[in-house]
């Protein structure tokens, strides 16, 4: 199985219950690993990630990776941080 991967990166979680309308905090300020995919066909009205629905608009960061390769990249990112 392969996933359409846009990017993977480590950053500080910036969203919290105050910015998302959720009644309890879920990690704002916590070091977080983000895995972003592209090519979604749901077309949710609330989606704020335009590239995720436009599979035909490819850039140099997009690739199709197996789950095993993604796990290897996650381990490398964790070890680097």
PDB file of N, CA and C in Angstrom:
ATOM      1  N   UNK A   1       0.830  -1.174   0.000  1.00  0.00           N
ATOM      2  CA  UNK A   1       0.000   0.000   0.000  1.00  0.00           C
ATOM      3  C   UNK A   1       0.880   1.245   0.000  1.00  0.00           C
ATOM      4  N   UNK A   2       0.524   2.198  -0.854  1.00  0.00           N
ATOM      5  CA  UNK A   2       1.270   3.454  -0.905  1.00  0.00           C
ATOM      6  C   UNK A   2       0.345   4.614  -0.585  1.00  0.00           C
ATOM      7  N   UNK A   3       0.908   5.618   0.075  1.00  0.00           N
ATOM      8  CA  UNK A   3       0.185   6.839   0.396  1.00  0.00           C
ATOM      9  C   UNK A   3       0.754   7.986  -0.422  1.00  0.00           C
ATOM     10  N   UNK A   4      -0.088   8.909  -0.796  1.00  0.00           N
ATOM     11  CA  UNK A   4       0.333  10.096  -1.537  1.00  0.00           C
ATOM     12  C   UNK A   4       0.814  11.118  -0.510  1.00  0.00           C
ATOM     13  N   UNK A   5       2.117  11.231  -0.385  1.00  0.00           N
ATOM     14  CA  UNK A   5       2.714  12.043   0.664  1.00  0.00           C
ATOM     15  C   UNK A   5       3.105  13.422   0.144  1.00  0.00           C
ATOM     16  N   UNK A   6       2.606  14.447   0.789  1.00  0.00           N
ATOM     17  CA  UNK A   6       2.966  15.832   0.481  1.00  0.00           C
ATOM     18  C   UNK A   6       4.220  16.233   1.246  1.00  0.00           C
ATOM     19  N   UNK A   7       4.198  16.031   2.554  1.00  0.00           N
ATOM     20  CA  UNK A   7       5.352  16.396   3.359  1.00  0.00           C
ATOM     21  C   UNK A   7       5.262  15.757   4.735  1.00  0.00           C
ATOM     22  N   UNK A   8       6.429  15.651   5.367  1.00  0.00           N
ATOM     23  CA  UNK A   8       6.536  15.208   6.750  1.00  0.00           C
ATOM     24  C   UNK A   8       7.498  16.155   7.435  1.00  0.00           C
ATOM     25  N   UNK A   9       7.118  16.618   8.622  1.00  0.00           N
ATOM     26  CA  UNK A   9       8.011  17.517   9.351  1.00  0.00           C
ATOM     27  C   UNK A   9       7.660  17.514  10.827  1.00  0.00           C
ATOM     28  N   UNK A  10       8.618  17.968  11.623  1.00  0.00           N
ATOM     29  CA  UNK A  10       8.423  18.107  13.057  1.00  0.00           C
ATOM     30  C   UNK A  10       8.289  19.598  13.353  1.00  0.00           C
ATOM     31  N   UNK A  11       7.296  19.957  14.164  1.00  0.00           N
ATOM     32  CA  UNK A  11       7.066  21.349  14.515  1.00  0.00           C
ATOM     33  C   UNK A  11       6.321  21.395  15.846  1.00  0.00           C
ATOM     34  N   UNK A  12       6.161  22.591  16.364  1.00  0.00           N
ATOM     35  CA  UNK A  12       5.380  22.783  17.584  1.00  0.00           C
ATOM     36  C   UNK A  12       3.904  22.858  17.200  1.00  0.00           C
ATOM     37  N   UNK A  13       3.080  22.059  17.851  1.00  0.00           N
ATOM     38  CA  UNK A  13       1.640  22.087  17.606  1.00  0.00           C
ATOM     39  C   UNK A  13       1.105  23.463  17.977  1.00  0.00           C
ATOM     40  N   UNK A  14       0.439  24.132  17.038  1.00  0.00           N
ATOM     41  CA  UNK A  14      -0.045  25.470  17.289  1.00  0.00           C
ATOM     42  C   UNK A  14      -1.531  25.552  17.549  1.00  0.00           C
ATOM     43  N   UNK A  15      -2.278  24.527  17.200  1.00  0.00           N
ATOM     44  CA  UNK A  15      -3.725  24.565  17.386  1.00  0.00           C
ATOM     45  C   UNK A  15      -4.082  24.043  18.772  1.00  0.00           C
ATOM     46  N   UNK A  16      -5.141  24.591  19.307  1.00  0.00           N
ATOM     47  CA  UNK A  16      -5.613  24.139  20.615  1.00  0.00           C
ATOM     48  C   UNK A  16      -7.125  24.269  20.644  1.00  0.00           C
ATOM     49  N   UNK A  17      -7.705  23.978  21.786  1.00  0.00           N
ATOM     50  CA  UNK A  17      -9.158  24.082  21.897  1.00  0.00           C
ATOM     51  C   UNK A  17      -9.628  25.500  21.590  1.00  0.00           C
ATOM     52  N   UNK A  18      -8.799  26.505  21.861  1.00  0.00           N
ATOM     53  CA  UNK A  18      -9.207  27.889  21.623  1.00  0.00           C
ATOM     54  C   UNK A  18      -9.283  28.215  20.132  1.00  0.00           C
ATOM     55  N   UNK A  19      -8.411  27.614  19.317  1.00  0.00           N
ATOM     56  CA  UNK A  19      -8.402  27.927  17.892  1.00  0.00           C
ATOM     57  C   UNK A  19      -9.277  26.997  17.076  1.00  0.00           C
ATOM     58  N   UNK A  20      -9.642  25.841  17.617  1.00  0.00           N
ATOM     59  CA  UNK A  20     -10.415  24.861  16.850  1.00  0.00           C
ATOM     60  C   UNK A  20     -11.840  24.671  17.358  1.00  0.00           C
ATOM     61  N   UNK A  21     -12.194  25.306  18.443  1.00  0.00           N
ATOM     62  CA  UNK A  21     -13.543  25.157  18.971  1.00  0.00           C
ATOM     63  C   UNK A  21     -13.767  23.877  19.746  1.00  0.00           C
ATOM     64  N   UNK A  22     -12.705  23.145  20.050  1.00  0.00           N
ATOM     65  CA  UNK A  22     -12.826  21.913  20.826  1.00  0.00           C
ATOM     66  C   UNK A  22     -12.771  22.286  22.300  1.00  0.00           C
ATOM     67  N   UNK A  23     -13.551  21.620  23.129  1.00  0.00           N
ATOM     68  CA  UNK A  23     -13.699  22.023  24.515  1.00  0.00           C
ATOM     69  C   UNK A  23     -12.562  21.587  25.425  1.00  0.00           C
ATOM     70  N   UNK A  24     -11.617  20.815  24.957  1.00  0.00           N
ATOM     71  CA  UNK A  24     -10.486  20.447  25.803  1.00  0.00           C
ATOM     72  C   UNK A  24      -9.187  20.577  25.003  1.00  0.00           C
ATOM     73  N   UNK A  25      -8.089  20.923  25.642  1.00  0.00           N
ATOM     74  CA  UNK A  25      -6.825  21.087  24.918  1.00  0.00           C
ATOM     75  C   UNK A  25      -6.318  19.738  24.405  1.00  0.00           C
ATOM     76  N   UNK A  26      -5.641  19.758  23.266  1.00  0.00           N
ATOM     77  CA  UNK A  26      -5.103  18.505  22.742  1.00  0.00           C
ATOM     78  C   UNK A  26      -3.682  18.642  22.239  1.00  0.00           C
ATOM     79  N   UNK A  27      -2.887  19.457  22.875  1.00  0.00           N
ATOM     80  CA  UNK A  27      -1.476  19.426  22.544  1.00  0.00           C
ATOM     81  C   UNK A  27      -0.839  20.710  22.069  1.00  0.00           C
ATOM     82  N   UNK A  28      -1.474  21.852  22.199  1.00  0.00           N
ATOM     83  CA  UNK A  28      -0.839  23.096  21.772  1.00  0.00           C
ATOM     84  C   UNK A  28       0.471  23.265  22.531  1.00  0.00           C
ATOM     85  N   UNK A  29       1.528  23.591  21.791  1.00  0.00           N
ATOM     86  CA  UNK A  29       2.839  23.773  22.390  1.00  0.00           C
ATOM     87  C   UNK A  29       3.670  22.508  22.478  1.00  0.00           C
ATOM     88  N   UNK A  30       3.137  21.391  22.022  1.00  0.00           N
ATOM     89  CA  UNK A  30       3.831  20.102  22.088  1.00  0.00           C
ATOM     90  C   UNK A  30       4.565  19.841  20.771  1.00  0.00           C
ATOM     91  N   UNK A  31       5.781  19.317  20.854  1.00  0.00           N
ATOM     92  CA  UNK A  31       6.517  18.913  19.663  1.00  0.00           C
ATOM     93  C   UNK A  31       5.733  17.808  18.962  1.00  0.00           C
ATOM     94  N   UNK A  32       5.439  17.992  17.672  1.00  0.00           N
ATOM     95  CA  UNK A  32       4.527  17.103  16.952  1.00  0.00           C
ATOM     96  C   UNK A  32       5.098  16.729  15.597  1.00  0.00           C
ATOM     97  N   UNK A  33       4.896  15.500  15.185  1.00  0.00           N
ATOM     98  CA  UNK A  33       5.272  15.046  13.852  1.00  0.00           C
ATOM     99  C   UNK A  33       4.043  15.144  12.960  1.00  0.00           C
ATOM    100  N   UNK A  34       4.147  15.907  11.882  1.00  0.00           N
ATOM    101  CA  UNK A  34       3.048  16.078  10.939  1.00  0.00           C
ATOM    102  C   UNK A  34       3.309  15.232   9.700  1.00  0.00           C
ATOM    103  N   UNK A  35       2.300  14.508   9.255  1.00  0.00           N
ATOM    104  CA  UNK A  35       2.359  13.742   8.008  1.00  0.00           C
ATOM    105  C   UNK A  35       1.203  14.236   7.158  1.00  0.00           C
ATOM    106  N   UNK A  36       1.516  14.939   6.077  1.00  0.00           N
ATOM    107  CA  UNK A  36       0.475  15.508   5.217  1.00  0.00           C
ATOM    108  C   UNK A  36       0.422  14.743   3.905  1.00  0.00           C
ATOM    109  N   UNK A  37      -0.781  14.384   3.531  1.00  0.00           N
ATOM    110  CA  UNK A  37      -0.996  13.664   2.278  1.00  0.00           C
ATOM    111  C   UNK A  37      -1.691  14.573   1.271  1.00  0.00           C
ATOM    112  N   UNK A  38      -1.795  14.102   0.030  1.00  0.00           N
ATOM    113  CA  UNK A  38      -2.504  14.858  -1.004  1.00  0.00           C
ATOM    114  C   UNK A  38      -3.361  13.896  -1.812  1.00  0.00           C
ATOM    115  N   UNK A  39      -4.248  14.467  -2.619  1.00  0.00           N
ATOM    116  CA  UNK A  39      -5.087  13.657  -3.485  1.00  0.00           C
ATOM    117  C   UNK A  39      -6.403  13.232  -2.856  1.00  0.00           C
ATOM    118  N   UNK A  40      -6.810  13.882  -1.786  1.00  0.00           N
ATOM    119  CA  UNK A  40      -8.076  13.540  -1.128  1.00  0.00           C
ATOM    120  C   UNK A  40      -9.243  13.853  -2.071  1.00  0.00           C
ATOM    121  N   UNK A  41     -10.224  12.980  -2.110  1.00  0.00           N
ATOM    122  CA  UNK A  41     -11.378  13.200  -2.983  1.00  0.00           C
ATOM    123  C   UNK A  41     -12.669  13.496  -2.208  1.00  0.00           C
ATOM    124  N   UNK A  42     -12.562  13.811  -0.926  1.00  0.00           N
ATOM    125  CA  UNK A  42     -13.753  14.092  -0.129  1.00  0.00           C
ATOM    126  C   UNK A  42     -14.314  15.491  -0.376  1.00  0.00           C
ATOM    127  N   UNK A  43     -13.452  16.465  -0.690  1.00  0.00           N
ATOM    128  CA  UNK A  43     -13.864  17.858  -0.929  1.00  0.00           C
ATOM    129  C   UNK A  43     -14.674  18.435   0.230  1.00  0.00           C
ATOM    130  N   UNK A  44     -14.175  18.294   1.434  1.00  0.00           N
ATOM    131  CA  UNK A  44     -14.840  18.844   2.613  1.00  0.00           C
ATOM    132  C   UNK A  44     -14.881  20.364   2.523  1.00  0.00           C
ATOM    133  N   UNK A  45     -15.998  20.944   2.878  1.00  0.00           N
ATOM    134  CA  UNK A  45     -16.162  22.399   2.793  1.00  0.00           C
ATOM    135  C   UNK A  45     -15.241  23.136   3.752  1.00  0.00           C
ATOM    136  N   UNK A  46     -14.884  22.519   4.854  1.00  0.00           N
ATOM    137  CA  UNK A  46     -14.058  23.173   5.855  1.00  0.00           C
ATOM    138  C   UNK A  46     -12.553  22.990   5.623  1.00  0.00           C
ATOM    139  N   UNK A  47     -12.165  22.230   4.610  1.00  0.00           N
ATOM    140  CA  UNK A  47     -10.746  21.952   4.373  1.00  0.00           C
ATOM    141  C   UNK A  47     -10.000  23.242   4.026  1.00  0.00           C
ATOM    142  N   UNK A  48      -8.905  23.484   4.743  1.00  0.00           N
ATOM    143  CA  UNK A  48      -8.094  24.674   4.484  1.00  0.00           C
ATOM    144  C   UNK A  48      -6.766  24.315   3.820  1.00  0.00           C
ATOM    145  N   UNK A  49      -6.686  23.120   3.261  1.00  0.00           N
ATOM    146  CA  UNK A  49      -5.452  22.646   2.650  1.00  0.00           C
ATOM    147  C   UNK A  49      -5.720  22.362   1.181  1.00  0.00           C
ATOM    148  N   UNK A  50      -5.664  23.402   0.361  1.00  0.00           N
ATOM    149  CA  UNK A  50      -6.027  23.304  -1.044  1.00  0.00           C
ATOM    150  C   UNK A  50      -5.266  22.256  -1.831  1.00  0.00           C
ATOM    151  N   UNK A  51      -3.955  22.137  -1.574  1.00  0.00           N
ATOM    152  CA  UNK A  51      -3.169  21.176  -2.353  1.00  0.00           C
ATOM    153  C   UNK A  51      -3.606  19.748  -2.100  1.00  0.00           C
ATOM    154  N   UNK A  52      -4.234  19.486  -0.976  1.00  0.00           N
ATOM    155  CA  UNK A  52      -4.576  18.099  -0.640  1.00  0.00           C
ATOM    156  C   UNK A  52      -5.622  17.521  -1.573  1.00  0.00           C
ATOM    157  N   UNK A  53      -6.430  18.357  -2.212  1.00  0.00           N
ATOM    158  CA  UNK A  53      -7.481  17.856  -3.095  1.00  0.00           C
ATOM    159  C   UNK A  53      -7.101  17.938  -4.565  1.00  0.00           C
ATOM    160  N   UNK A  54      -5.942  18.457  -4.873  1.00  0.00           N
ATOM    161  CA  UNK A  54      -5.545  18.654  -6.265  1.00  0.00           C
ATOM    162  C   UNK A  54      -4.392  17.714  -6.623  1.00  0.00           C
ATOM    163  N   UNK A  55      -4.715  16.460  -6.847  1.00  0.00           N
ATOM    164  CA  UNK A  55      -3.680  15.475  -7.139  1.00  0.00           C
ATOM    165  C   UNK A  55      -2.931  15.805  -8.418  1.00  0.00           C
ATOM    166  N   UNK A  56      -3.600  16.513  -9.341  1.00  0.00           N
ATOM    167  CA  UNK A  56      -2.942  16.820 -10.611  1.00  0.00           C
ATOM    168  C   UNK A  56      -1.909  17.938 -10.478  1.00  0.00           C
ATOM    169  N   UNK A  57      -1.977  18.712  -9.408  1.00  0.00           N
ATOM    170  CA  UNK A  57      -1.013  19.792  -9.190  1.00  0.00           C
ATOM    171  C   UNK A  57       0.095  19.241  -8.320  1.00  0.00           C
ATOM    172  N   UNK A  58       1.119  18.744  -8.954  1.00  0.00           N
ATOM    173  CA  UNK A  58       2.214  18.132  -8.220  1.00  0.00           C
ATOM    174  C   UNK A  58       3.362  19.114  -8.072  1.00  0.00           C
ATOM    175  N   UNK A  59       4.087  18.975  -7.005  1.00  0.00           N
ATOM    176  CA  UNK A  59       5.311  19.746  -6.826  1.00  0.00           C
ATOM    177  C   UNK A  59       6.423  18.803  -6.416  1.00  0.00           C
ATOM    178  N   UNK A  60       7.608  19.332  -6.238  1.00  0.00           N
ATOM    179  CA  UNK A  60       8.759  18.472  -6.002  1.00  0.00           C
ATOM    180  C   UNK A  60       8.730  17.738  -4.663  1.00  0.00           C
ATOM    181  N   UNK A  61       7.846  18.144  -3.749  1.00  0.00           N
ATOM    182  CA  UNK A  61       7.814  17.462  -2.453  1.00  0.00           C
ATOM    183  C   UNK A  61       6.872  16.262  -2.452  1.00  0.00           C
ATOM    184  N   UNK A  62       5.996  16.130  -3.433  1.00  0.00           N
ATOM    185  CA  UNK A  62       5.023  15.049  -3.422  1.00  0.00           C
ATOM    186  C   UNK A  62       5.630  13.739  -3.927  1.00  0.00           C
ATOM    187  N   UNK A  63       5.240  12.657  -3.274  1.00  0.00           N
ATOM    188  CA  UNK A  63       5.707  11.347  -3.696  1.00  0.00           C
ATOM    189  C   UNK A  63       4.746  10.281  -3.182  1.00  0.00           C
ATOM    190  N   UNK A  64       4.776   9.136  -3.812  1.00  0.00           N
ATOM    191  CA  UNK A  64       3.997   7.993  -3.348  1.00  0.00           C
ATOM    192  C   UNK A  64       4.944   7.085  -2.570  1.00  0.00           C
ATOM    193  N   UNK A  65       4.667   6.918  -1.282  1.00  0.00           N
ATOM    194  CA  UNK A  65       5.539   6.112  -0.430  1.00  0.00           C
ATOM    195  C   UNK A  65       4.762   4.981   0.213  1.00  0.00           C
ATOM    196  N   UNK A  66       5.446   3.867   0.390  1.00  0.00           N
ATOM    197  CA  UNK A  66       4.830   2.746   1.098  1.00  0.00           C
ATOM    198  C   UNK A  66       4.745   3.094   2.583  1.00  0.00           C
ATOM    199  N   UNK A  67       3.863   2.405   3.269  1.00  0.00           N
ATOM    200  CA  UNK A  67       3.725   2.615   4.708  1.00  0.00           C
ATOM    201  C   UNK A  67       5.055   2.318   5.399  1.00  0.00           C
ATOM    202  N   UNK A  68       5.747   1.297   4.942  1.00  0.00           N
ATOM    203  CA  UNK A  68       7.045   0.939   5.533  1.00  0.00           C
ATOM    204  C   UNK A  68       8.047   2.074   5.376  1.00  0.00           C
ATOM    205  N   UNK A  69       8.081   2.714   4.201  1.00  0.00           N
ATOM    206  CA  UNK A  69       8.995   3.837   3.980  1.00  0.00           C
ATOM    207  C   UNK A  69       8.615   5.043   4.840  1.00  0.00           C
ATOM    208  N   UNK A  70       7.325   5.264   5.011  1.00  0.00           N
ATOM    209  CA  UNK A  70       6.882   6.368   5.866  1.00  0.00           C
ATOM    210  C   UNK A  70       7.310   6.113   7.308  1.00  0.00           C
ATOM    211  N   UNK A  71       7.159   4.879   7.781  1.00  0.00           N
ATOM    212  CA  UNK A  71       7.576   4.542   9.146  1.00  0.00           C
ATOM    213  C   UNK A  71       9.078   4.768   9.303  1.00  0.00           C
ATOM    214  N   UNK A  72       9.878   4.378   8.308  1.00  0.00           N
ATOM    215  CA  UNK A  72      11.325   4.609   8.366  1.00  0.00           C
ATOM    216  C   UNK A  72      11.626   6.103   8.450  1.00  0.00           C
ATOM    217  N   UNK A  73      10.909   6.903   7.663  1.00  0.00           N
ATOM    218  CA  UNK A  73      11.112   8.350   7.708  1.00  0.00           C
ATOM    219  C   UNK A  73      10.703   8.928   9.056  1.00  0.00           C
ATOM    220  N   UNK A  74       9.625   8.414   9.637  1.00  0.00           N
ATOM    221  CA  UNK A  74       9.187   8.868  10.953  1.00  0.00           C
ATOM    222  C   UNK A  74      10.267   8.582  11.989  1.00  0.00           C
ATOM    223  N   UNK A  75      10.810   7.381  11.973  1.00  0.00           N
ATOM    224  CA  UNK A  75      11.871   7.023  12.912  1.00  0.00           C
ATOM    225  C   UNK A  75      13.071   7.949  12.741  1.00  0.00           C
ATOM    226  N   UNK A  76      13.445   8.231  11.496  1.00  0.00           N
ATOM    227  CA  UNK A  76      14.585   9.132  11.248  1.00  0.00           C
ATOM    228  C   UNK A  76      14.302  10.531  11.766  1.00  0.00           C
ATOM    229  N   UNK A  77      13.075  11.038  11.548  1.00  0.00           N
ATOM    230  CA  UNK A  77      12.723  12.365  12.035  1.00  0.00           C
ATOM    231  C   UNK A  77      12.730  12.421  13.563  1.00  0.00           C
ATOM    232  N   UNK A  78      12.215  11.388  14.194  1.00  0.00           N
ATOM    233  CA  UNK A  78      12.195  11.348  15.662  1.00  0.00           C
ATOM    234  C   UNK A  78      13.618  11.328  16.200  1.00  0.00           C
ATOM    235  N   UNK A  79      14.467  10.509  15.600  1.00  0.00           N
ATOM    236  CA  UNK A  79      15.854  10.415  16.059  1.00  0.00           C
ATOM    237  C   UNK A  79      16.628  11.718  15.829  1.00  0.00           C
ATOM    238  N   UNK A  80      16.255  12.465  14.816  1.00  0.00           N
ATOM    239  CA  UNK A  80      16.936  13.721  14.503  1.00  0.00           C
ATOM    240  C   UNK A  80      16.503  14.846  15.436  1.00  0.00           C
ATOM    241  N   UNK A  81      15.360  14.683  16.078  1.00  0.00           N
ATOM    242  CA  UNK A  81      14.844  15.729  16.967  1.00  0.00           C
ATOM    243  C   UNK A  81      14.880  15.242  18.378  1.00  0.00           C
TER     244      UNK A  81
END
